[in-house]
């Protein structure tokens, strides 16, 4: 309904396609950032738990920045891939359908 109202207000098909894609990408990025933060907390807890058997700067849990970046790119790509179909349908919304439902 919201996308139909945006179409009624004069938004182009391209803008309507970008709306769900941007929402999906933002959700994926925020979810990945939250997961990374939770991982850092959990890694500190596990490293603290096993601190007695570690020497120096060793750690039990470690996620390299390039691995995190690869995970972020994969999640963002899959998120956009999953949103392409609904975004194409949203781009074809007719404003008359929204007016009838109001």
Protein backbone atom coordinates (compact mmCIF):
# COMPACT_ATOMS: atom_id res chain seq x y z
CA UNK A 1 0.00 0.00 0.00
CA UNK A 2 2.80 2.42 0.90
CA UNK A 3 4.54 1.84 -2.42
CA UNK A 4 1.28 2.39 -4.28
CA UNK A 5 0.83 5.71 -2.51
CA UNK A 6 4.37 6.67 -3.43
CA UNK A 7 3.59 5.80 -7.06
CA UNK A 8 0.45 7.95 -6.80
CA UNK A 9 2.57 10.85 -5.56
CA UNK A 10 4.72 10.61 -8.69
CA UNK A 11 7.68 8.44 -7.75
CA UNK A 12 9.27 6.73 -10.74
CA UNK A 13 9.57 2.98 -11.24
CA UNK A 14 13.29 3.17 -10.46
CA UNK A 15 12.64 4.90 -7.15
CA UNK A 16 10.04 2.28 -6.22
CA UNK A 17 12.54 -0.47 -7.08
CA UNK A 18 15.18 1.10 -4.86
CA UNK A 19 12.91 1.38 -1.81
CA UNK A 20 12.68 -2.37 -0.96
CA UNK A 21 16.28 -2.93 -2.08
CA UNK A 22 17.53 -0.21 0.26
CA UNK A 23 15.43 -1.57 3.13
CA UNK A 24 16.80 -5.06 2.59
CA UNK A 25 20.39 -3.88 2.34
CA UNK A 26 20.11 -1.73 5.46
CA UNK A 27 18.60 -4.62 7.42
CA UNK A 28 21.40 -6.94 6.26
CA UNK A 29 24.11 -4.44 7.17
CA UNK A 30 22.66 -3.66 10.59
CA UNK A 31 22.11 -7.35 11.29
CA UNK A 32 25.68 -8.17 10.33
CA UNK A 33 27.00 -5.32 12.48
CA UNK A 34 24.94 -6.55 15.43
CA UNK A 35 26.18 -10.11 14.90
CA UNK A 36 29.76 -8.81 14.79
CA UNK A 37 29.26 -6.95 18.06
CA UNK A 38 27.79 -10.02 19.73
CA UNK A 39 30.71 -12.07 18.42
CA UNK A 40 33.21 -9.63 19.94
CA UNK A 41 31.51 -9.88 23.33
CA UNK A 42 31.33 -13.67 23.15
CA UNK A 43 34.95 -13.90 21.99
CA UNK A 44 36.10 -11.82 24.94
CA UNK A 45 34.12 -14.01 27.32
CA UNK A 46 35.56 -17.23 25.86
CA UNK A 47 39.09 -15.82 25.83
CA UNK A 48 38.67 -14.74 29.45
CA UNK A 49 37.36 -18.18 30.35
CA UNK A 50 40.41 -19.89 28.85
CA UNK A 51 42.93 -17.22 29.86
CA UNK A 52 44.66 -19.64 32.24
CA UNK A 53 45.69 -21.98 29.46
CA UNK A 54 46.71 -19.23 27.02
CA UNK A 55 50.04 -17.52 26.99
CA UNK A 56 50.67 -13.96 25.99
CA UNK A 57 48.58 -12.56 23.20
CA UNK A 58 46.98 -15.84 22.13
CA UNK A 59 43.24 -16.08 21.80
CA UNK A 60 40.74 -18.89 21.33
CA UNK A 61 38.24 -16.86 19.29
CA UNK A 62 39.46 -14.78 16.40
CA UNK A 63 37.71 -13.42 13.34
CA UNK A 64 39.99 -11.82 10.80
CA UNK A 65 38.78 -8.55 9.27
CA UNK A 66 38.84 -10.05 5.76
CA UNK A 67 36.60 -12.90 6.91
CA UNK A 68 34.15 -10.44 8.45
CA UNK A 69 34.22 -8.36 5.24
CA UNK A 70 33.59 -11.49 3.15
CA UNK A 71 30.64 -12.43 5.37
CA UNK A 72 29.27 -8.90 5.10
CA UNK A 73 29.49 -8.97 1.30
CA UNK A 74 27.86 -12.40 1.10
CA UNK A 75 25.01 -11.38 3.40
CA UNK A 76 24.45 -8.12 1.51
CA UNK A 77 24.53 -9.90 -1.86
CA UNK A 78 22.10 -12.63 -0.80
CA UNK A 79 19.82 -10.04 0.75
CA UNK A 80 19.68 -8.04 -2.48
CA UNK A 81 19.21 -11.21 -4.52
CA UNK A 82 16.25 -12.24 -2.37
CA UNK A 83 14.69 -8.79 -2.73
CA UNK A 84 14.90 -8.42 -6.50
CA UNK A 85 11.66 -10.30 -7.20
CA UNK A 86 9.49 -8.36 -4.73
CA UNK A 87 11.14 -5.10 -5.82
CA UNK A 88 10.20 -5.78 -9.45
CA UNK A 89 6.61 -6.48 -8.39
CA UNK A 90 6.61 -3.27 -6.35
CA UNK A 91 7.80 -1.32 -9.38
CA UNK A 92 4.73 -2.46 -11.33
CA UNK A 93 2.17 -1.36 -8.72
CA UNK A 94 -0.71 0.55 -10.21
CA UNK A 95 -1.92 3.55 -8.20
CA UNK A 96 -5.51 2.64 -9.05
CA UNK A 97 -5.17 -0.58 -7.00
CA UNK A 98 -4.27 1.46 -3.92
CA UNK A 99 -7.14 3.89 -4.41
CA UNK A 100 -9.65 1.03 -4.59
CA UNK A 101 -8.41 -0.41 -1.29
CA UNK A 102 -8.71 2.88 0.61
